[in-house]
Amino acid sequence: MNIFEYIFQDWKCNKGNVKGQFILAHLRLAQIIKRNKLLFVIGFWYLALYYIFIEWLMGVEINWKVVIGENTQLHHGVGLVIHPKAIIGNNCVLRHCTTIGNKGTAADGLPVIGNNVNIGAHVCILGEIRIGDNVTIGAGAVVLKDVPSNCVVAGNPAKIIKQL
């Protein structure tokens, strides 16, 4: 994958969602700059602008250190918080006011989210848990335990409501 393919890998799946395209393209560019020493020397100012513009002004906390798979869809994005060490698989959908992180201390583990996961609005995914592939998480769910593949979860705390 060349540099332009990497930066715009989420472009098609966010068609019509200019904000999602903008945020994810800038995230991918920031990741490239951070990983390459020469680019970091030349583009360190970009990382500062990314932090100020994307995180402060747009209200979307997606640090360039986060591992997010390709074809990620970002719906609305406002209030989205993802811990820098969280891992999110391919073809995932993230909606507004979602938190993916630890339970409160640095020693707590972080979520690993599989492929093809559809995360509803106002969802909290917290702690050292694994979300399997092909999972749908209903709006407002609080996920504190592992979720197996191929199911739908909802509620507070989240429970399996349908096995696919």
C-alpha atoms as a PDB file:
ATOM      1  CA  MET A   1       0.000   0.000   0.000  1.00  0.00           C
ATOM      2  CA  ASN A   2       1.523   3.322  -1.017  1.00  0.00           C
ATOM      3  CA  ILE A   3       1.337   6.456   1.112  1.00  0.00           C
ATOM      4  CA  PHE A   4      -1.777   7.855  -0.619  1.00  0.00           C
ATOM      5  CA  GLU A   5      -3.619   4.538  -0.401  1.00  0.00           C
ATOM      6  CA  TYR A   6      -2.789   4.427   3.313  1.00  0.00           C
ATOM      7  CA  ILE A   7      -3.988   7.985   3.973  1.00  0.00           C
ATOM      8  CA  PHE A   8      -7.230   7.537   2.030  1.00  0.00           C
ATOM      9  CA  GLN A   9      -7.981   3.897   2.930  1.00  0.00           C
ATOM     10  CA  ASP A  10     -11.176   4.924   4.768  1.00  0.00           C
ATOM     11  CA  TRP A  11     -12.361   7.367   2.096  1.00  0.00           C
ATOM     12  CA  LYS A  12     -14.802   5.141   0.154  1.00  0.00           C
ATOM     13  CA  CYS A  13     -16.540   3.634   3.181  1.00  0.00           C
ATOM     14  CA  ASN A  14     -17.169   7.176   4.515  1.00  0.00           C
ATOM     15  CA  LYS A  15     -18.611   8.413   1.206  1.00  0.00           C
ATOM     16  CA  GLY A  16     -20.851  11.401   1.837  1.00  0.00           C
ATOM     17  CA  ASN A  17     -19.428  11.819   5.347  1.00  0.00           C
ATOM     18  CA  VAL A  18     -16.967  14.672   4.860  1.00  0.00           C
ATOM     19  CA  LYS A  19     -16.174  14.975   8.566  1.00  0.00           C
ATOM     20  CA  GLY A  20     -15.361  11.259   8.877  1.00  0.00           C
ATOM     21  CA  GLN A  21     -13.205  11.384   5.747  1.00  0.00           C
ATOM     22  CA  PHE A  22     -11.387  14.480   7.004  1.00  0.00           C
ATOM     23  CA  ILE A  23     -10.671  13.135  10.496  1.00  0.00           C
ATOM     24  CA  LEU A  24      -9.537   9.687   9.355  1.00  0.00           C
ATOM     25  CA  ALA A  25      -7.347  11.012   6.525  1.00  0.00           C
ATOM     26  CA  HIS A  26      -5.603  13.354   8.952  1.00  0.00           C
ATOM     27  CA  LEU A  27      -5.240  10.527  11.494  1.00  0.00           C
ATOM     28  CA  ARG A  28      -3.556   8.329   8.876  1.00  0.00           C
ATOM     29  CA  LEU A  29      -1.236  11.184   7.834  1.00  0.00           C
ATOM     30  CA  ALA A  30      -0.298  11.836  11.472  1.00  0.00           C
ATOM     31  CA  GLN A  31       0.463   8.118  11.899  1.00  0.00           C
ATOM     32  CA  ILE A  32       2.807   8.188   8.909  1.00  0.00           C
ATOM     33  CA  ILE A  33       4.613  11.266  10.208  1.00  0.00           C
ATOM     34  CA  LYS A  34       5.004   9.801  13.702  1.00  0.00           C
ATOM     35  CA  ARG A  35       6.408   6.470  12.434  1.00  0.00           C
ATOM     36  CA  ASN A  36       9.088   7.930  10.153  1.00  0.00           C
ATOM     37  CA  LYS A  37      11.987   9.774  11.814  1.00  0.00           C
ATOM     38  CA  LEU A  38      12.692  12.021   8.836  1.00  0.00           C
ATOM     39  CA  LEU A  39       9.046  12.908   8.362  1.00  0.00           C
ATOM     40  CA  PHE A  40       8.759  13.545  12.103  1.00  0.00           C
ATOM     41  CA  VAL A  41      11.579  16.107  11.952  1.00  0.00           C
ATOM     42  CA  ILE A  42       9.948  17.828   8.986  1.00  0.00           C
ATOM     43  CA  GLY A  43       6.321  17.453  10.099  1.00  0.00           C
ATOM     44  CA  PHE A  44       6.333  17.709  13.915  1.00  0.00           C
ATOM     45  CA  TRP A  45       4.341  20.930  13.570  1.00  0.00           C
ATOM     46  CA  TYR A  46       1.618  18.942  11.812  1.00  0.00           C
ATOM     47  CA  LEU A  47       1.228  16.666  14.850  1.00  0.00           C
ATOM     48  CA  ALA A  48       0.724  19.729  17.062  1.00  0.00           C
ATOM     49  CA  LEU A  49      -1.881  21.109  14.659  1.00  0.00           C
ATOM     50  CA  TYR A  50      -3.573  17.687  14.479  1.00  0.00           C
ATOM     51  CA  TYR A  51      -3.806  17.583  18.253  1.00  0.00           C
ATOM     52  CA  ILE A  52      -5.219  21.099  18.497  1.00  0.00           C
ATOM     53  CA  PHE A  53      -7.609  20.914  15.556  1.00  0.00           C
ATOM     54  CA  ILE A  54      -8.917  17.333  15.654  1.00  0.00           C
ATOM     55  CA  GLU A  55      -8.870  16.722  19.401  1.00  0.00           C
ATOM     56  CA  TRP A  56      -9.601  20.162  20.851  1.00  0.00           C
ATOM     57  CA  LEU A  57     -11.686  21.933  18.228  1.00  0.00           C
ATOM     58  CA  MET A  58     -13.538  18.989  16.688  1.00  0.00           C
ATOM     59  CA  GLY A  59     -13.934  17.086  19.979  1.00  0.00           C
ATOM     60  CA  VAL A  60     -12.642  13.765  18.655  1.00  0.00           C
ATOM     61  CA  GLU A  61      -9.877  12.182  20.728  1.00  0.00           C
ATOM     62  CA  ILE A  62      -8.185   9.755  18.375  1.00  0.00           C
ATOM     63  CA  ASN A  63      -4.483   9.839  19.099  1.00  0.00           C
ATOM     64  CA  TRP A  64      -2.152   8.961  16.217  1.00  0.00           C
ATOM     65  CA  LYS A  65      -0.782   6.064  18.315  1.00  0.00           C
ATOM     66  CA  VAL A  66      -4.056   4.107  18.171  1.00  0.00           C
ATOM     67  CA  VAL A  67      -4.217   0.982  15.987  1.00  0.00           C
ATOM     68  CA  ILE A  68      -7.293   1.212  13.766  1.00  0.00           C
ATOM     69  CA  GLY A  69      -7.839  -1.176  10.874  1.00  0.00           C
ATOM     70  CA  GLU A  70      -8.734  -0.180   7.363  1.00  0.00           C
ATOM     71  CA  ASN A  71     -12.190   0.781   6.122  1.00  0.00           C
ATOM     72  CA  THR A  72     -13.153   2.360   9.435  1.00  0.00           C
ATOM     73  CA  GLN A  73     -16.384   4.340   9.346  1.00  0.00           C
ATOM     74  CA  LEU A  74     -16.737   7.365  11.590  1.00  0.00           C
ATOM     75  CA  HIS A  75     -20.319   8.585  11.990  1.00  0.00           C
ATOM     76  CA  HIS A  76     -20.639  12.113  13.433  1.00  0.00           C
ATOM     77  CA  GLY A  77     -17.534  11.723  15.618  1.00  0.00           C
ATOM     78  CA  VAL A  78     -18.392  14.318  18.241  1.00  0.00           C
ATOM     79  CA  GLY A  79     -17.391  13.171  21.714  1.00  0.00           C
ATOM     80  CA  LEU A  80     -15.525  10.105  20.429  1.00  0.00           C
ATOM     81  CA  VAL A  81     -12.696   9.086  22.781  1.00  0.00           C
ATOM     82  CA  ILE A  82     -10.309   6.235  21.941  1.00  0.00           C
ATOM     83  CA  HIS A  83      -7.359   5.395  24.194  1.00  0.00           C
ATOM     84  CA  PRO A  84      -4.054   5.560  22.272  1.00  0.00           C
ATOM     85  CA  LYS A  85      -3.261   1.916  23.069  1.00  0.00           C
ATOM     86  CA  ALA A  86      -6.644   0.449  22.117  1.00  0.00           C
ATOM     87  CA  ILE A  87      -6.798  -1.840  19.092  1.00  0.00           C
ATOM     88  CA  ILE A  88      -9.662  -1.713  16.595  1.00  0.00           C
ATOM     89  CA  GLY A  89      -9.983  -4.143  13.683  1.00  0.00           C
ATOM     90  CA  ASN A  90     -10.975  -3.682  10.037  1.00  0.00           C
ATOM     91  CA  ASN A  91     -14.374  -2.575   8.757  1.00  0.00           C
ATOM     92  CA  CYS A  92     -15.575  -1.149  12.081  1.00  0.00           C
ATOM     93  CA  VAL A  93     -18.198   1.550  12.568  1.00  0.00           C
ATOM     94  CA  LEU A  94     -17.680   4.128  15.330  1.00  0.00           C
ATOM     95  CA  ARG A  95     -20.432   6.533  16.337  1.00  0.00           C
ATOM     96  CA  HIS A  96     -20.556   9.698  18.396  1.00  0.00           C
ATOM     97  CA  CYS A  97     -20.096   9.900  22.158  1.00  0.00           C
ATOM     98  CA  THR A  98     -18.332   6.543  22.319  1.00  0.00           C
ATOM     99  CA  THR A  99     -15.511   5.818  24.743  1.00  0.00           C
ATOM    100  CA  ILE A 100     -12.996   3.019  24.222  1.00  0.00           C
ATOM    101  CA  GLY A 101     -10.451   2.879  27.015  1.00  0.00           C
ATOM    102  CA  ASN A 102      -9.358   1.598  30.400  1.00  0.00           C
ATOM    103  CA  LYS A 103     -11.357   1.503  33.604  1.00  0.00           C
ATOM    104  CA  GLY A 104      -9.534   4.416  35.158  1.00  0.00           C
ATOM    105  CA  THR A 105      -5.931   3.577  35.986  1.00  0.00           C
ATOM    106  CA  ALA A 106      -2.855   3.234  33.822  1.00  0.00           C
ATOM    107  CA  ALA A 107      -2.424  -0.359  35.004  1.00  0.00           C
ATOM    108  CA  ASP A 108      -5.819  -1.375  33.589  1.00  0.00           C
ATOM    109  CA  GLY A 109      -5.781  -3.205  30.284  1.00  0.00           C
ATOM    110  CA  LEU A 110      -7.408  -1.933  27.128  1.00  0.00           C
ATOM    111  CA  PRO A 111     -10.005  -3.273  24.706  1.00  0.00           C
ATOM    112  CA  VAL A 112      -9.170  -5.223  21.575  1.00  0.00           C
ATOM    113  CA  ILE A 113     -11.994  -4.929  19.073  1.00  0.00           C
ATOM    114  CA  GLY A 114     -12.299  -7.435  16.233  1.00  0.00           C
ATOM    115  CA  ASN A 115     -13.254  -6.978  12.586  1.00  0.00           C
ATOM    116  CA  ASN A 116     -16.689  -5.934  11.322  1.00  0.00           C
ATOM    117  CA  VAL A 117     -17.831  -4.488  14.653  1.00  0.00           C
ATOM    118  CA  ASN A 118     -20.684  -1.990  14.577  1.00  0.00           C
ATOM    119  CA  ILE A 119     -20.581   0.259  17.661  1.00  0.00           C
ATOM    120  CA  GLY A 120     -23.676   2.316  18.459  1.00  0.00           C
ATOM    121  CA  ALA A 121     -23.821   5.855  19.826  1.00  0.00           C
ATOM    122  CA  HIS A 122     -23.014   6.535  23.496  1.00  0.00           C
ATOM    123  CA  VAL A 123     -21.244   3.196  24.000  1.00  0.00           C
ATOM    124  CA  CYS A 124     -18.544   2.642  26.634  1.00  0.00           C
ATOM    125  CA  ILE A 125     -16.087  -0.197  26.053  1.00  0.00           C
ATOM    126  CA  LEU A 126     -13.805  -0.339  29.059  1.00  0.00           C
ATOM    127  CA  GLY A 127     -11.029  -2.526  30.412  1.00  0.00           C
ATOM    128  CA  GLU A 128      -8.955  -5.429  29.217  1.00  0.00           C
ATOM    129  CA  ILE A 129     -11.625  -7.097  27.126  1.00  0.00           C
ATOM    130  CA  ARG A 130     -11.963  -8.624  23.681  1.00  0.00           C
ATOM    131  CA  ILE A 131     -14.812  -7.931  21.312  1.00  0.00           C
ATOM    132  CA  GLY A 132     -15.083 -10.690  18.697  1.00  0.00           C
ATOM    133  CA  ASP A 133     -15.665 -10.335  14.959  1.00  0.00           C
ATOM    134  CA  ASN A 134     -19.065  -9.511  13.458  1.00  0.00           C
ATOM    135  CA  VAL A 135     -20.482  -7.972  16.628  1.00  0.00           C
ATOM    136  CA  THR A 136     -23.111  -5.246  16.913  1.00  0.00           C
ATOM    137  CA  ILE A 137     -23.094  -3.173  20.101  1.00  0.00           C
ATOM    138  CA  GLY A 138     -26.365  -1.371  20.759  1.00  0.00           C
ATOM    139  CA  ALA A 139     -26.557   2.324  21.555  1.00  0.00           C
ATOM    140  CA  GLY A 140     -25.872   3.216  25.167  1.00  0.00           C
ATOM    141  CA  ALA A 141     -24.284  -0.135  26.026  1.00  0.00           C
ATOM    142  CA  VAL A 142     -21.581  -0.377  28.668  1.00  0.00           C
ATOM    143  CA  VAL A 143     -19.289  -3.256  27.721  1.00  0.00           C
ATOM    144  CA  LEU A 144     -17.116  -4.477  30.599  1.00  0.00           C
ATOM    145  CA  LYS A 145     -16.679  -8.156  29.694  1.00  0.00           C
ATOM    146  CA  ASP A 146     -15.517 -10.107  26.659  1.00  0.00           C
ATOM    147  CA  VAL A 147     -18.014 -10.412  23.805  1.00  0.00           C
ATOM    148  CA  PRO A 148     -17.848 -13.509  21.562  1.00  0.00           C
ATOM    149  CA  SER A 149     -17.978 -13.255  17.776  1.00  0.00           C
ATOM    150  CA  ASN A 150     -21.223 -13.155  15.813  1.00  0.00           C
ATOM    151  CA  CYS A 151     -23.630 -11.626  18.306  1.00  0.00           C
ATOM    152  CA  VAL A 152     -25.558  -8.510  19.272  1.00  0.00           C
ATOM    153  CA  VAL A 153     -25.066  -6.987  22.721  1.00  0.00           C
ATOM    154  CA  ALA A 154     -26.914  -4.177  24.459  1.00  0.00           C
ATOM    155  CA  GLY A 155     -27.642  -2.766  27.888  1.00  0.00           C
ATOM    156  CA  ASN A 156     -25.840  -1.612  30.999  1.00  0.00           C
ATOM    157  CA  PRO A 157     -23.960  -3.794  31.637  1.00  0.00           C
ATOM    158  CA  ALA A 158     -23.978  -5.202  28.106  1.00  0.00           C
ATOM    159  CA  LYS A 159     -25.482  -8.651  27.636  1.00  0.00           C
ATOM    160  CA  ILE A 160     -25.862 -10.845  24.578  1.00  0.00           C
ATOM    161  CA  ILE A 161     -29.356 -10.346  23.213  1.00  0.00           C
ATOM    162  CA  LYS A 162     -28.942 -12.246  19.948  1.00  0.00           C
ATOM    163  CA  GLN A 163     -26.483 -14.848  18.673  1.00  0.00           C
ATOM    164  CA  LEU A 164     -25.985 -14.613  14.902  1.00  0.00           C
END
